[in-house]
Amino acid sequence: GTADLVTVVKPGQVVSWTALAVDLQ
């Protein structure tokens, strides 16, 4: 929930990033 997210992963895992706007306009 912050800009400092540290995502815990495993080697070989796929990571996908998406950006969404709060205001859909």
PDB file of all heavy atoms in Angstrom:
ATOM      1  N   GLY A   1       0.790  -1.229   0.000  1.00  0.00           N
ATOM      2  CA  GLY A   1       0.000   0.000   0.000  1.00  0.00           C
ATOM      3  C   GLY A   1       0.819   1.273   0.000  1.00  0.00           C
ATOM      4  O   GLY A   1       0.267   2.362   0.111  1.00  0.00           O
ATOM      5  N   THR A   2       2.145   1.145  -0.130  1.00  0.00           N
ATOM      6  CA  THR A   2       3.012   2.328  -0.157  1.00  0.00           C
ATOM      7  C   THR A   2       3.839   2.328  -1.440  1.00  0.00           C
ATOM      8  O   THR A   2       3.837   1.360  -2.199  1.00  0.00           O
ATOM      9  CB  THR A   2       3.983   2.348   1.048  1.00  0.00           C
ATOM     10  OG1 THR A   2       4.995   1.348   0.852  1.00  0.00           O
ATOM     11  CG2 THR A   2       3.250   2.115   2.363  1.00  0.00           C
ATOM     12  N   ALA A   3       4.600   3.392  -1.640  1.00  0.00           N
ATOM     13  CA  ALA A   3       5.518   3.470  -2.776  1.00  0.00           C
ATOM     14  C   ALA A   3       6.803   2.687  -2.509  1.00  0.00           C
ATOM     15  O   ALA A   3       7.646   2.562  -3.383  1.00  0.00           O
ATOM     16  CB  ALA A   3       5.850   4.934  -3.072  1.00  0.00           C
ATOM     17  N   ASP A   4       6.951   2.162  -1.297  1.00  0.00           N
ATOM     18  CA  ASP A   4       8.152   1.431  -0.891  1.00  0.00           C
ATOM     19  C   ASP A   4       7.940  -0.077  -0.876  1.00  0.00           C
ATOM     20  O   ASP A   4       8.630  -0.799  -0.153  1.00  0.00           O
ATOM     21  CB  ASP A   4       8.590   1.886   0.502  1.00  0.00           C
ATOM     22  CG  ASP A   4       8.895   3.368   0.564  1.00  0.00           C
ATOM     23  OD1 ASP A   4       9.446   3.901  -0.409  1.00  0.00           O
ATOM     24  OD2 ASP A   4       8.584   3.992   1.597  1.00  0.00           O
ATOM     25  N   LEU A   5       7.016  -0.587  -1.659  1.00  0.00           N
ATOM     26  CA  LEU A   5       6.699  -2.015  -1.678  1.00  0.00           C
ATOM     27  C   LEU A   5       7.943  -2.864  -1.945  1.00  0.00           C
ATOM     28  O   LEU A   5       8.694  -2.594  -2.876  1.00  0.00           O
ATOM     29  CB  LEU A   5       5.646  -2.301  -2.758  1.00  0.00           C
ATOM     30  CG  LEU A   5       5.261  -3.767  -2.955  1.00  0.00           C
ATOM     31  CD1 LEU A   5       4.536  -4.308  -1.723  1.00  0.00           C
ATOM     32  CD2 LEU A   5       4.408  -3.930  -4.198  1.00  0.00           C
ATOM     33  N   VAL A   6       8.144  -3.875  -1.116  1.00  0.00           N
ATOM     34  CA  VAL A   6       9.199  -4.864  -1.336  1.00  0.00           C
ATOM     35  C   VAL A   6       8.482  -6.192  -1.550  1.00  0.00           C
ATOM     36  O   VAL A   6       7.989  -6.811  -0.616  1.00  0.00           O
ATOM     37  CB  VAL A   6      10.169  -4.946  -0.144  1.00  0.00           C
ATOM     38  CG1 VAL A   6      11.223  -6.032  -0.399  1.00  0.00           C
ATOM     39  CG2 VAL A   6      10.837  -3.600   0.100  1.00  0.00           C
ATOM     40  N   THR A   7       8.417  -6.620  -2.815  1.00  0.00           N
ATOM     41  CA  THR A   7       7.701  -7.833  -3.189  1.00  0.00           C
ATOM     42  C   THR A   7       8.615  -9.037  -3.009  1.00  0.00           C
ATOM     43  O   THR A   7       9.705  -9.093  -3.583  1.00  0.00           O
ATOM     44  CB  THR A   7       7.232  -7.751  -4.657  1.00  0.00           C
ATOM     45  OG1 THR A   7       6.388  -6.600  -4.795  1.00  0.00           O
ATOM     46  CG2 THR A   7       6.474  -8.994  -5.065  1.00  0.00           C
ATOM     47  N   VAL A   8       8.176  -9.997  -2.215  1.00  0.00           N
ATOM     48  CA  VAL A   8       8.953 -11.210  -1.966  1.00  0.00           C
ATOM     49  C   VAL A   8       8.627 -12.219  -3.058  1.00  0.00           C
ATOM     50  O   VAL A   8       7.461 -12.524  -3.322  1.00  0.00           O
ATOM     51  CB  VAL A   8       8.659 -11.779  -0.560  1.00  0.00           C
ATOM     52  CG1 VAL A   8       9.475 -13.039  -0.321  1.00  0.00           C
ATOM     53  CG2 VAL A   8       8.970 -10.734   0.512  1.00  0.00           C
ATOM     54  N   VAL A   9       9.679 -12.723  -3.711  1.00  0.00           N
ATOM     55  CA  VAL A   9       9.539 -13.607  -4.865  1.00  0.00           C
ATOM     56  C   VAL A   9      10.473 -14.811  -4.722  1.00  0.00           C
ATOM     57  O   VAL A   9      11.292 -14.866  -3.815  1.00  0.00           O
ATOM     58  CB  VAL A   9       9.869 -12.846  -6.167  1.00  0.00           C
ATOM     59  CG1 VAL A   9       8.834 -11.769  -6.451  1.00  0.00           C
ATOM     60  CG2 VAL A   9      11.268 -12.244  -6.115  1.00  0.00           C
ATOM     61  N   LYS A  10      10.347 -15.740  -5.650  1.00  0.00           N
ATOM     62  CA  LYS A  10      11.235 -16.902  -5.762  1.00  0.00           C
ATOM     63  C   LYS A  10      11.892 -16.874  -7.142  1.00  0.00           C
ATOM     64  O   LYS A  10      11.267 -16.431  -8.111  1.00  0.00           O
ATOM     65  CB  LYS A  10      10.445 -18.215  -5.630  1.00  0.00           C
ATOM     66  CG  LYS A  10       9.935 -18.503  -4.234  1.00  0.00           C
ATOM     67  CD  LYS A  10      11.026 -19.141  -3.433  1.00  0.00           C
ATOM     68  CE  LYS A  10      10.464 -19.688  -2.126  1.00  0.00           C
ATOM     69  NZ  LYS A  10      11.462 -20.236  -1.273  1.00  0.00           N
ATOM     70  N   PRO A  11      13.134 -17.351  -7.281  1.00  0.00           N
ATOM     71  CA  PRO A  11      13.766 -17.418  -8.598  1.00  0.00           C
ATOM     72  C   PRO A  11      12.904 -18.217  -9.573  1.00  0.00           C
ATOM     73  O   PRO A  11      12.316 -19.241  -9.217  1.00  0.00           O
ATOM     74  CB  PRO A  11      15.091 -18.130  -8.329  1.00  0.00           C
ATOM     75  CG  PRO A  11      15.387 -17.818  -6.889  1.00  0.00           C
ATOM     76  CD  PRO A  11      14.034 -17.807  -6.216  1.00  0.00           C
ATOM     77  N   GLY A  12      12.827 -17.719 -10.798  1.00  0.00           N
ATOM     78  CA  GLY A  12      12.038 -18.372 -11.837  1.00  0.00           C
ATOM     79  C   GLY A  12      10.584 -17.936 -11.877  1.00  0.00           C
ATOM     80  O   GLY A  12       9.864 -18.237 -12.828  1.00  0.00           O
ATOM     81  N   GLN A  13      10.143 -17.218 -10.869  1.00  0.00           N
ATOM     82  CA  GLN A  13       8.763 -16.749 -10.823  1.00  0.00           C
ATOM     83  C   GLN A  13       8.571 -15.584 -11.805  1.00  0.00           C
ATOM     84  O   GLN A  13       9.475 -14.782 -12.014  1.00  0.00           O
ATOM     85  CB  GLN A  13       8.451 -16.278  -9.395  1.00  0.00           C
ATOM     86  CG  GLN A  13       7.032 -16.366  -8.995  1.00  0.00           C
ATOM     87  CD  GLN A  13       6.855 -16.112  -7.487  1.00  0.00           C
ATOM     88  OE1 GLN A  13       7.670 -15.485  -6.827  1.00  0.00           O
ATOM     89  NE2 GLN A  13       5.758 -16.597  -6.969  1.00  0.00           N
ATOM     90  N   VAL A  14       7.393 -15.485 -12.408  1.00  0.00           N
ATOM     91  CA  VAL A  14       7.053 -14.384 -13.300  1.00  0.00           C
ATOM     92  C   VAL A  14       6.486 -13.247 -12.455  1.00  0.00           C
ATOM     93  O   VAL A  14       5.672 -13.474 -11.560  1.00  0.00           O
ATOM     94  CB  VAL A  14       6.017 -14.836 -14.358  1.00  0.00           C
ATOM     95  CG1 VAL A  14       5.529 -13.642 -15.185  1.00  0.00           C
ATOM     96  CG2 VAL A  14       6.610 -15.905 -15.258  1.00  0.00           C
ATOM     97  N   VAL A  15       6.941 -12.029 -12.753  1.00  0.00           N
ATOM     98  CA  VAL A  15       6.429 -10.834 -12.082  1.00  0.00           C
ATOM     99  C   VAL A  15       5.779  -9.965 -13.152  1.00  0.00           C
ATOM    100  O   VAL A  15       6.373  -9.717 -14.203  1.00  0.00           O
ATOM    101  CB  VAL A  15       7.549 -10.050 -11.372  1.00  0.00           C
ATOM    102  CG1 VAL A  15       6.978  -8.817 -10.682  1.00  0.00           C
ATOM    103  CG2 VAL A  15       8.290 -10.926 -10.383  1.00  0.00           C
ATOM    104  N   SER A  16       4.555  -9.511 -12.899  1.00  0.00           N
ATOM    105  CA  SER A  16       3.840  -8.631 -13.825  1.00  0.00           C
ATOM    106  C   SER A  16       3.490  -7.333 -13.126  1.00  0.00           C
ATOM    107  O   SER A  16       2.971  -7.348 -12.012  1.00  0.00           O
ATOM    108  CB  SER A  16       2.556  -9.302 -14.324  1.00  0.00           C
ATOM    109  OG  SER A  16       2.864 -10.395 -15.138  1.00  0.00           O
ATOM    110  N   TRP A  17       3.789  -6.221 -13.795  1.00  0.00           N
ATOM    111  CA  TRP A  17       3.480  -4.895 -13.273  1.00  0.00           C
ATOM    112  C   TRP A  17       2.378  -4.266 -14.116  1.00  0.00           C
ATOM    113  O   TRP A  17       2.401  -4.352 -15.338  1.00  0.00           O
ATOM    114  CB  TRP A  17       4.694  -3.975 -13.362  1.00  0.00           C
ATOM    115  CG  TRP A  17       5.798  -4.225 -12.407  1.00  0.00           C
ATOM    116  CD1 TRP A  17       5.986  -3.636 -11.184  1.00  0.00           C
ATOM    117  CD2 TRP A  17       6.939  -5.073 -12.602  1.00  0.00           C
ATOM    118  NE1 TRP A  17       7.158  -4.085 -10.624  1.00  0.00           N
ATOM    119  CE2 TRP A  17       7.754  -4.975 -11.478  1.00  0.00           C
ATOM    120  CE3 TRP A  17       7.319  -5.930 -13.641  1.00  0.00           C
ATOM    121  CZ2 TRP A  17       8.940  -5.672 -11.342  1.00  0.00           C
ATOM    122  CZ3 TRP A  17       8.505  -6.642 -13.518  1.00  0.00           C
ATOM    123  CH2 TRP A  17       9.306  -6.508 -12.378  1.00  0.00           C
ATOM    124  N   THR A  18       1.434  -3.600 -13.445  1.00  0.00           N
ATOM    125  CA  THR A  18       0.358  -2.872 -14.100  1.00  0.00           C
ATOM    126  C   THR A  18       0.180  -1.538 -13.383  1.00  0.00           C
ATOM    127  O   THR A  18       0.311  -1.478 -12.158  1.00  0.00           O
ATOM    128  CB  THR A  18      -0.973  -3.656 -14.018  1.00  0.00           C
ATOM    129  OG1 THR A  18      -0.786  -4.962 -14.537  1.00  0.00           O
ATOM    130  CG2 THR A  18      -2.074  -2.963 -14.798  1.00  0.00           C
ATOM    131  N   ALA A  19      -0.134  -0.483 -14.114  1.00  0.00           N
ATOM    132  CA  ALA A  19      -0.435   0.820 -13.517  1.00  0.00           C
ATOM    133  C   ALA A  19      -1.902   1.134 -13.747  1.00  0.00           C
ATOM    134  O   ALA A  19      -2.425   0.946 -14.851  1.00  0.00           O
ATOM    135  CB  ALA A  19       0.438   1.909 -14.125  1.00  0.00           C
ATOM    136  N   LEU A  20      -2.551   1.603 -12.700  1.00  0.00           N
ATOM    137  CA  LEU A  20      -3.960   2.002 -12.781  1.00  0.00           C
ATOM    138  C   LEU A  20      -4.123   3.395 -12.184  1.00  0.00           C
ATOM    139  O   LEU A  20      -3.509   3.719 -11.171  1.00  0.00           O
ATOM    140  CB  LEU A  20      -4.841   1.022 -11.996  1.00  0.00           C
ATOM    141  CG  LEU A  20      -4.847  -0.426 -12.470  1.00  0.00           C
ATOM    142  CD1 LEU A  20      -5.633  -1.287 -11.485  1.00  0.00           C
ATOM    143  CD2 LEU A  20      -5.441  -0.521 -13.858  1.00  0.00           C
ATOM    144  N   ALA A  21      -4.972   4.199 -12.796  1.00  0.00           N
ATOM    145  CA  ALA A  21      -5.262   5.535 -12.279  1.00  0.00           C
ATOM    146  C   ALA A  21      -6.439   5.471 -11.316  1.00  0.00           C
ATOM    147  O   ALA A  21      -7.382   4.702 -11.535  1.00  0.00           O
ATOM    148  CB  ALA A  21      -5.578   6.480 -13.428  1.00  0.00           C
ATOM    149  N   VAL A  22      -6.374   6.269 -10.249  1.00  0.00           N
ATOM    150  CA  VAL A  22      -7.483   6.344  -9.298  1.00  0.00           C
ATOM    151  C   VAL A  22      -8.728   6.852 -10.007  1.00  0.00           C
ATOM    152  O   VAL A  22      -9.815   6.313  -9.852  1.00  0.00           O
ATOM    153  CB  VAL A  22      -7.129   7.269  -8.105  1.00  0.00           C
ATOM    154  CG1 VAL A  22      -8.329   7.484  -7.205  1.00  0.00           C
ATOM    155  CG2 VAL A  22      -5.977   6.670  -7.306  1.00  0.00           C
ATOM    156  N   ASP A  23      -8.566   7.886 -10.819  1.00  0.00           N
ATOM    157  CA  ASP A  23      -9.657   8.460 -11.592  1.00  0.00           C
ATOM    158  C   ASP A  23      -9.566   7.866 -12.994  1.00  0.00           C
ATOM    159  O   ASP A  23      -8.577   8.067 -13.694  1.00  0.00           O
ATOM    160  CB  ASP A  23      -9.506   9.980 -11.644  1.00  0.00           C
ATOM    161  CG  ASP A  23     -10.532  10.653 -12.531  1.00  0.00           C
ATOM    162  OD1 ASP A  23     -11.405   9.966 -13.104  1.00  0.00           O
ATOM    163  OD2 ASP A  23     -10.457  11.881 -12.665  1.00  0.00           O
ATOM    164  N   LEU A  24     -10.565   7.138 -13.410  1.00  0.00           N
ATOM    165  CA  LEU A  24     -10.510   6.440 -14.690  1.00  0.00           C
ATOM    166  C   LEU A  24     -10.458   7.373 -15.897  1.00  0.00           C
ATOM    167  O   LEU A  24     -10.187   6.937 -17.006  1.00  0.00           O
ATOM    168  CB  LEU A  24     -11.685   5.474 -14.811  1.00  0.00           C
ATOM    169  CG  LEU A  24     -11.695   4.361 -13.766  1.00  0.00           C
ATOM    170  CD1 LEU A  24     -12.930   3.489 -13.932  1.00  0.00           C
ATOM    171  CD2 LEU A  24     -10.433   3.536 -13.827  1.00  0.00           C
ATOM    172  N   GLN A  25     -10.706   8.660 -15.691  1.00  0.00           N
ATOM    173  CA  GLN A  25     -10.631   9.628 -16.788  1.00  0.00           C
ATOM    174  C   GLN A  25      -9.196  10.094 -17.040  1.00  0.00           C
ATOM    175  O   GLN A  25      -8.930  10.747 -18.040  1.00  0.00           O
ATOM    176  CB  GLN A  25     -11.501  10.848 -16.461  1.00  0.00           C
ATOM    177  CG  GLN A  25     -12.954  10.521 -16.265  1.00  0.00           C
ATOM    178  CD  GLN A  25     -13.611  10.040 -17.546  1.00  0.00           C
ATOM    179  OE1 GLN A  25     -13.289  10.480 -18.634  1.00  0.00           O
ATOM    180  NE2 GLN A  25     -14.544   9.109 -17.420  1.00  0.00           N
TER     181      GLN A  25
END
